[in-house]
Protein backbone atom coordinates (compact mmCIF):
# COMPACT_ATOMS: atom_id res chain seq x y z
CA MET A 1 2.70 -4.07 14.37
CA LYS A 2 3.45 -0.83 12.53
CA ALA A 3 2.26 0.12 9.06
CA MET A 4 3.60 2.16 6.19
CA ILE A 5 1.38 3.93 3.67
CA MET A 6 3.10 4.62 0.36
CA ALA A 7 2.09 8.19 -0.48
CA ALA A 8 5.00 9.67 -2.46
CA GLY A 9 3.80 8.98 -6.02
CA ARG A 10 3.15 11.68 -8.61
CA GLY A 11 -0.21 10.37 -9.85
CA GLU A 12 0.50 11.18 -13.50
CA ARG A 13 -2.63 9.48 -14.84
CA LEU A 14 -4.85 11.56 -12.56
CA ARG A 15 -3.60 14.85 -13.94
CA PRO A 16 -4.64 17.65 -13.97
CA LEU A 17 -6.27 16.79 -10.63
CA THR A 18 -2.94 15.81 -9.08
CA ASP A 19 -1.19 18.97 -10.26
CA SER A 20 -2.59 20.68 -7.17
CA ILE A 21 -3.73 17.78 -4.96
CA PRO A 22 -1.46 14.89 -3.97
CA LYS A 23 -3.07 11.62 -5.02
CA PRO A 24 -3.54 10.26 -1.46
CA LEU A 25 -5.65 13.32 -0.59
CA VAL A 26 -8.13 12.75 -3.42
CA LYS A 27 -11.58 12.38 -1.85
CA VAL A 28 -13.63 9.19 -2.04
CA GLY A 29 -16.89 9.78 -0.25
CA ASP A 30 -16.32 11.54 3.07
CA TYR A 31 -12.59 10.81 3.32
CA SER A 32 -9.44 11.04 1.27
CA LEU A 33 -7.82 7.83 0.04
CA ILE A 34 -5.16 7.95 2.73
CA GLU A 35 -7.72 8.61 5.48
CA TRP A 36 -9.60 5.44 4.52
CA HIS A 37 -6.39 3.49 5.18
CA ILE A 38 -5.68 5.29 8.45
CA TYR A 39 -9.17 4.71 9.83
CA ARG A 40 -9.14 1.04 8.84
CA LEU A 41 -5.69 0.49 10.33
CA VAL A 42 -6.68 2.18 13.60
CA ASN A 43 -9.88 0.11 13.75
CA ALA A 44 -7.60 -2.94 13.55
CA ASN A 45 -5.53 -1.58 16.49
CA ILE A 46 -2.64 -0.65 14.20
CA THR A 47 -1.93 2.90 15.30
CA GLU A 48 1.77 3.54 14.55
CA ILE A 49 1.85 4.54 10.91
CA VAL A 50 4.72 5.80 8.73
CA ILE A 51 3.91 7.79 5.58
CA ASN A 52 6.45 8.55 2.88
CA LEU A 53 6.14 11.90 1.12
CA SER A 54 7.41 13.51 -2.07
CA HIS A 55 5.11 15.24 -4.58
CA LEU A 56 3.10 17.89 -2.70
CA GLY A 57 3.99 16.00 0.46
CA GLU A 58 3.68 19.09 2.63
CA LYS A 59 -0.04 19.15 1.87
CA ILE A 60 -0.43 15.58 3.14
CA GLN A 61 1.50 16.32 6.32
CA SER A 62 -0.44 19.54 6.90
CA HIS A 63 -3.78 17.78 6.43
CA LEU A 64 -3.04 14.72 8.58
CA GLY A 65 -0.84 16.29 11.25
CA ASN A 66 0.44 13.95 13.94
CA GLY A 67 -2.56 11.66 13.55
CA GLU A 68 -4.10 12.41 16.94
CA ARG A 69 -7.57 13.12 15.53
CA TYR A 70 -7.57 9.67 13.90
CA GLY A 71 -6.36 7.89 17.01
CA ALA A 72 -3.02 7.25 15.29
CA GLN A 73 0.62 8.18 15.72
CA LEU A 74 1.85 9.37 12.34
CA SER A 75 5.46 9.85 11.34
CA TYR A 76 6.81 10.93 7.97
CA SER A 77 9.65 9.83 5.73
CA LEU A 78 10.58 12.67 3.36
CA GLU A 79 11.83 11.82 -0.13
CA PRO A 80 13.18 13.92 -2.99
CA GLU A 81 11.27 14.44 -6.22
CA PRO A 82 11.01 12.18 -8.13
CA ALA A 83 10.27 9.76 -5.32
CA LEU A 84 12.38 6.71 -4.47
CA GLU A 85 9.82 4.15 -5.78
CA THR A 86 8.36 1.49 -3.53
CA ALA A 87 11.44 -0.43 -2.41
CA GLY A 88 13.56 2.71 -2.12
CA GLY A 89 10.87 4.39 -0.04
CA ILE A 90 10.58 1.46 2.34
CA ILE A 91 14.36 1.18 2.72
CA GLN A 92 14.64 4.86 3.63
CA ALA A 93 11.86 4.46 6.23
CA LEU A 94 13.26 1.33 7.93
CA ALA A 95 14.60 3.32 10.88
CA LEU A 96 11.04 4.51 11.59
CA LEU A 97 9.52 1.06 11.08
CA GLY A 98 11.65 -0.77 13.64
CA THR A 99 12.88 -4.33 13.83
CA GLU A 100 9.58 -6.22 13.67
CA PRO A 101 7.49 -7.10 10.58
CA PHE A 102 5.35 -4.25 9.30
CA ILE A 103 2.42 -3.71 6.96
CA VAL A 104 2.87 -1.86 3.67
CA VAL A 105 -0.13 -0.53 1.74
CA ASN A 106 -0.20 1.57 -1.39
CA GLY A 107 -1.79 4.96 -0.81
CA ASP A 108 -3.56 4.95 -4.18
CA VAL A 109 -5.79 1.91 -3.66
CA TRP A 110 -9.16 1.58 -1.93
CA THR A 111 -9.96 -1.72 -0.25
CA ASP A 112 -12.11 -3.18 2.49
CA TYR A 113 -9.45 -5.76 3.40
CA PRO A 114 -9.61 -6.49 7.16
CA PHE A 115 -6.18 -5.36 8.37
CA ALA A 116 -6.71 -7.13 11.69
CA GLU A 117 -6.24 -10.47 9.91
CA LEU A 118 -2.64 -9.67 9.00
CA SER A 119 0.04 -11.12 11.26
CA SER A 120 3.80 -11.55 11.24
CA PRO A 121 4.75 -13.68 8.23
CA ALA A 122 6.44 -17.03 8.71
CA LEU A 123 8.65 -16.10 5.75
CA LEU A 124 10.23 -12.78 4.75
CA ALA A 125 7.06 -11.38 3.19
CA HIS A 126 3.35 -12.10 2.84
CA LEU A 127 1.38 -10.51 0.00
CA VAL A 128 -2.36 -10.04 -0.44
CA MET A 129 -3.30 -11.04 -3.99
CA ILE A 130 -6.51 -10.23 -5.85
CA ASP A 131 -8.28 -11.30 -9.04
CA ASN A 132 -6.77 -9.61 -12.07
CA PRO A 133 -8.53 -6.29 -12.78
CA ASP A 134 -9.47 -5.32 -16.33
CA HIS A 135 -6.50 -2.96 -16.61
CA HIS A 136 -4.03 -5.70 -15.56
CA PRO A 137 -5.36 -8.94 -17.10
CA ASP A 138 -2.09 -10.90 -17.05
CA GLY A 139 -1.56 -10.63 -13.29
CA ASP A 140 1.74 -10.66 -11.42
CA PHE A 141 2.52 -13.87 -9.55
CA ILE A 142 1.35 -17.46 -9.15
CA LEU A 143 -0.08 -18.52 -5.77
CA ARG A 144 0.42 -22.21 -5.06
CA ASP A 145 0.11 -23.95 -1.68
CA GLY A 146 0.34 -20.65 0.16
CA LYS A 147 3.56 -19.53 -1.54
CA LEU A 148 4.10 -17.09 -4.38
CA SER A 149 6.18 -17.69 -7.48
CA ASP A 150 7.02 -15.87 -10.68
CA GLU A 151 7.58 -19.10 -12.61
CA GLY A 152 5.86 -22.41 -13.28
CA GLN A 153 2.34 -23.59 -14.02
CA GLY A 154 -0.74 -21.89 -12.68
CA SER A 155 -2.95 -18.84 -13.03
CA ARG A 156 -1.50 -15.50 -12.10
CA LEU A 157 -3.06 -13.13 -9.62
CA THR A 158 -2.41 -9.42 -9.12
CA TYR A 159 -0.50 -8.00 -6.17
CA SER A 160 -2.89 -5.69 -4.33
CA GLY A 161 -0.19 -3.35 -3.02
CA LEU A 162 -0.88 -4.69 0.47
CA GLY A 163 1.53 -6.94 2.31
CA VAL A 164 3.56 -7.64 5.42
CA TYR A 165 7.35 -7.47 5.27
CA HIS A 166 10.09 -8.47 7.67
CA PRO A 167 12.90 -5.89 7.80
CA ASP A 168 15.31 -8.69 6.81
CA PHE A 169 13.62 -8.71 3.40
CA PHE A 170 15.59 -5.52 2.70
CA ALA A 171 18.76 -6.48 4.60
CA GLU A 172 21.05 -6.50 1.56
CA CYS A 173 19.53 -3.46 -0.16
CA LYS A 174 21.35 -0.17 -0.53
CA PRO A 175 19.56 3.16 -0.19
CA GLY A 176 18.37 4.83 -3.35
CA ARG A 177 15.66 4.73 -5.98
CA GLN A 178 14.55 1.19 -6.75
CA ALA A 179 11.44 -0.83 -7.52
CA LEU A 180 9.99 -3.56 -5.33
CA ALA A 181 9.11 -6.15 -7.99
CA PRO A 182 12.69 -7.36 -8.69
CA LEU A 183 13.27 -7.89 -4.95
CA LEU A 184 10.02 -9.84 -4.66
CA ARG A 185 10.99 -12.09 -7.56
CA GLN A 186 14.39 -12.71 -5.99
CA GLN A 187 12.89 -13.72 -2.65
CA MET A 188 10.18 -15.79 -4.34
CA SER A 189 12.84 -17.80 -6.15
CA ALA A 190 14.24 -18.61 -2.70
CA GLY A 191 10.79 -19.68 -1.46
CA LYS A 192 10.55 -16.84 1.05
CA VAL A 193 7.29 -15.10 0.06
CA SER A 194 3.84 -16.36 1.05
CA GLY A 195 0.50 -15.09 -0.17
CA GLU A 196 -3.26 -15.20 0.11
CA HIS A 197 -6.13 -14.60 -2.32
CA TYR A 198 -8.50 -11.84 -1.22
CA LYS A 199 -11.85 -11.67 -3.01
CA GLY A 200 -13.32 -8.59 -1.33
CA GLN A 201 -13.41 -5.06 -2.64
CA TRP A 202 -10.22 -3.61 -4.09
CA HIS A 203 -9.84 -0.69 -6.48
CA ASP A 204 -6.71 0.85 -7.96
CA ILE A 205 -7.40 4.57 -8.31
CA GLY A 206 -5.10 5.01 -11.27
CA THR A 207 -7.29 7.01 -13.64
CA LEU A 208 -10.10 9.54 -13.45
CA GLU A 209 -12.53 6.88 -14.68
CA ARG A 210 -11.57 4.47 -11.89
CA LEU A 211 -11.82 7.30 -9.36
CA GLN A 212 -15.38 7.99 -10.50
CA THR A 213 -16.21 4.28 -10.20
CA ILE A 214 -15.10 3.98 -6.57
CA GLN A 215 -16.72 7.29 -5.66
CA LYS A 216 -20.06 5.92 -6.88
CA ILE A 217 -19.58 2.62 -5.03
CA VAL A 218 -18.80 4.33 -1.74
CA SER A 219 -21.66 6.81 -2.19
CA ASP A 220 -24.16 4.05 -2.96
CA GLN A 221 -23.08 1.95 0.04
CA SER A 222 -22.80 4.83 2.56
CA ILE A 223 -19.61 3.34 4.05
CA ASP A 224 -18.24 4.93 7.23
CA VAL A 225 -15.12 3.67 9.01
CA SER A 226 -14.40 6.61 11.31
CA SER A 227 -15.92 5.03 14.41
C-alpha cells in the first residue's frame, strides 16, 4: 500500500514561523512533523510515499530528497499557490498513487496511530476518527456500526486527517481546487465510508500554542521512531 502526506498548506495560524519554514518542516523533538509520519510509515512497511507541495515546497523536497535515508521512496506532486486543497491535491496525485487503495495523512498532525493496522477498505474509504479536541468541540461525523454518517442520531467524532481511500472514491471528480468534506458527505450518504475510533495520541498542530504543547509531550516522553 502507498501513502500520501498532505504537505501543501500555507499554515496561516503558525505565522510568522511559516513565513520562512513550511509547516511540515516545523520541528517536534528531534524530527520535523513530516519526518515523524515518514518514519512511522516506513516502520509499518509502507515505503512508497507521495507528498504534495505548494507553499515553500522546494524546501520540503530539498530536505527530504528521494527518501533513501529514511528507507522510503518519495515522489512529489507539485501544486500552484494557493494549493489545491485536500481533494484537489489527491486528485492531481492519483497517477502517482496507482490503482490500489492508499493511505492519506495530513502533514500538520502528530499522532502515534499504528499505520500497520490500516488495510484496504471494504468500502470506498475508511477514516480514523478521534475524540473531539477542545478547538473542535462539535466534531465532524457520526460513527455507528462501523460506518460514518453526517446525519442522524449519535455523538459526533472528529476526522483525524488519517484515512484509506480507494481511487474509485475520486472517479467522478474533475481536476482543480476542491475540498474533501463535501465528497465524504456524498459517499457517506451512499453508505460507502467506514470508520474507527482511535483513542491514542493525536495533536493538530494548528497554532503556536498547540505546537508548544506537542513539543513538551515529545520531549517529556523521549520518543524515537527512527529505528
